[in-house]
Amino acid sequence: MDLVMADLQKRGASRPRKVSTLTSTIKALLKQQQKPNSDTEVANLIAELQKRDKVVVSDTKVTYKLG
């Protein structure tokens, strides 16, 4: 989770704006770190980001509250 948060903060204005792009970004990041990157794992990470109020998903769009 911290790895994903750090990457999103580092990206600044070039963060993914759609759920599909966010999913592929997280998958690539996890693969690069040799961590589990299944669809379920990525969906759980996105759900956790939503639960922590770090991302808001409406339809297919993503907005961030990384602070």
Protein backbone atom coordinates (compact mmCIF):
# COMPACT_ATOMS: atom_id res chain seq x y z
CA MET A 1 0.00 0.00 0.00
CA ASP A 2 2.77 2.45 0.93
CA LEU A 3 4.55 1.66 -2.32
CA VAL A 4 1.45 2.56 -4.35
CA MET A 5 0.84 5.74 -2.34
CA ALA A 6 4.44 6.90 -2.79
CA ASP A 7 4.29 6.27 -6.54
CA LEU A 8 1.02 8.17 -6.95
CA GLN A 9 2.31 11.14 -4.94
CA LYS A 10 5.54 11.18 -6.95
CA ARG A 11 3.59 11.33 -10.23
CA GLY A 12 1.99 14.67 -9.36
CA ALA A 13 -0.25 15.90 -12.17
CA SER A 14 0.46 12.85 -14.34
CA ARG A 15 -1.50 10.45 -12.13
CA PRO A 16 -3.90 8.04 -13.86
CA ARG A 17 -7.33 9.60 -14.41
CA LYS A 18 -9.29 6.43 -15.26
CA VAL A 19 -9.78 3.25 -13.25
CA SER A 20 -8.38 1.12 -16.08
CA THR A 21 -5.20 3.20 -16.23
CA LEU A 22 -4.84 3.15 -12.45
CA THR A 23 -5.23 -0.64 -12.50
CA SER A 24 -2.53 -1.13 -15.12
CA THR A 25 -0.23 1.36 -13.33
CA ILE A 26 -0.54 -0.52 -10.04
CA LYS A 27 -0.04 -3.88 -11.80
CA ALA A 28 3.14 -2.63 -13.46
CA LEU A 29 4.44 -1.21 -10.19
CA LEU A 30 3.80 -4.48 -8.33
CA LYS A 31 5.36 -6.53 -11.12
CA GLN A 32 8.44 -4.30 -11.04
CA GLN A 33 8.74 -4.95 -7.29
CA GLN A 34 8.11 -8.70 -7.80
CA LYS A 35 4.98 -8.66 -5.64
CA PRO A 36 1.65 -10.40 -6.32
CA ASN A 37 -0.17 -8.44 -9.04
CA SER A 38 -3.34 -10.40 -9.76
CA ASP A 39 -6.54 -8.59 -10.71
CA THR A 40 -7.93 -9.39 -7.26
CA GLU A 41 -4.86 -7.99 -5.51
CA VAL A 42 -5.02 -4.76 -7.53
CA ALA A 43 -8.78 -4.41 -6.94
CA ASN A 44 -8.17 -4.83 -3.20
CA LEU A 45 -5.52 -2.10 -3.25
CA ILE A 46 -7.85 0.29 -5.07
CA ALA A 47 -10.63 -0.52 -2.60
CA GLU A 48 -8.24 0.16 0.29
CA LEU A 49 -7.25 3.51 -1.24
CA GLN A 50 -10.95 4.38 -1.45
CA LYS A 51 -11.55 3.26 2.13
CA ARG A 52 -8.70 5.48 3.33
CA ASP A 53 -10.18 8.42 1.36
CA LYS A 54 -7.08 8.71 -0.84
CA VAL A 55 -8.93 8.18 -4.13
CA VAL A 56 -12.50 8.79 -5.24
CA VAL A 57 -13.89 6.68 -8.08
CA SER A 58 -16.98 7.92 -9.91
CA ASP A 59 -17.97 5.87 -12.94
CA THR A 60 -14.64 5.31 -14.70
CA LYS A 61 -12.92 8.49 -13.48
CA VAL A 62 -10.48 8.71 -10.58
CA THR A 63 -9.71 11.76 -8.44
CA TYR A 64 -7.11 11.94 -5.69
CA LYS A 65 -6.95 13.28 -2.13
CA LEU A 66 -3.37 12.38 -1.33
CA GLY A 67 -2.67 15.50 0.71
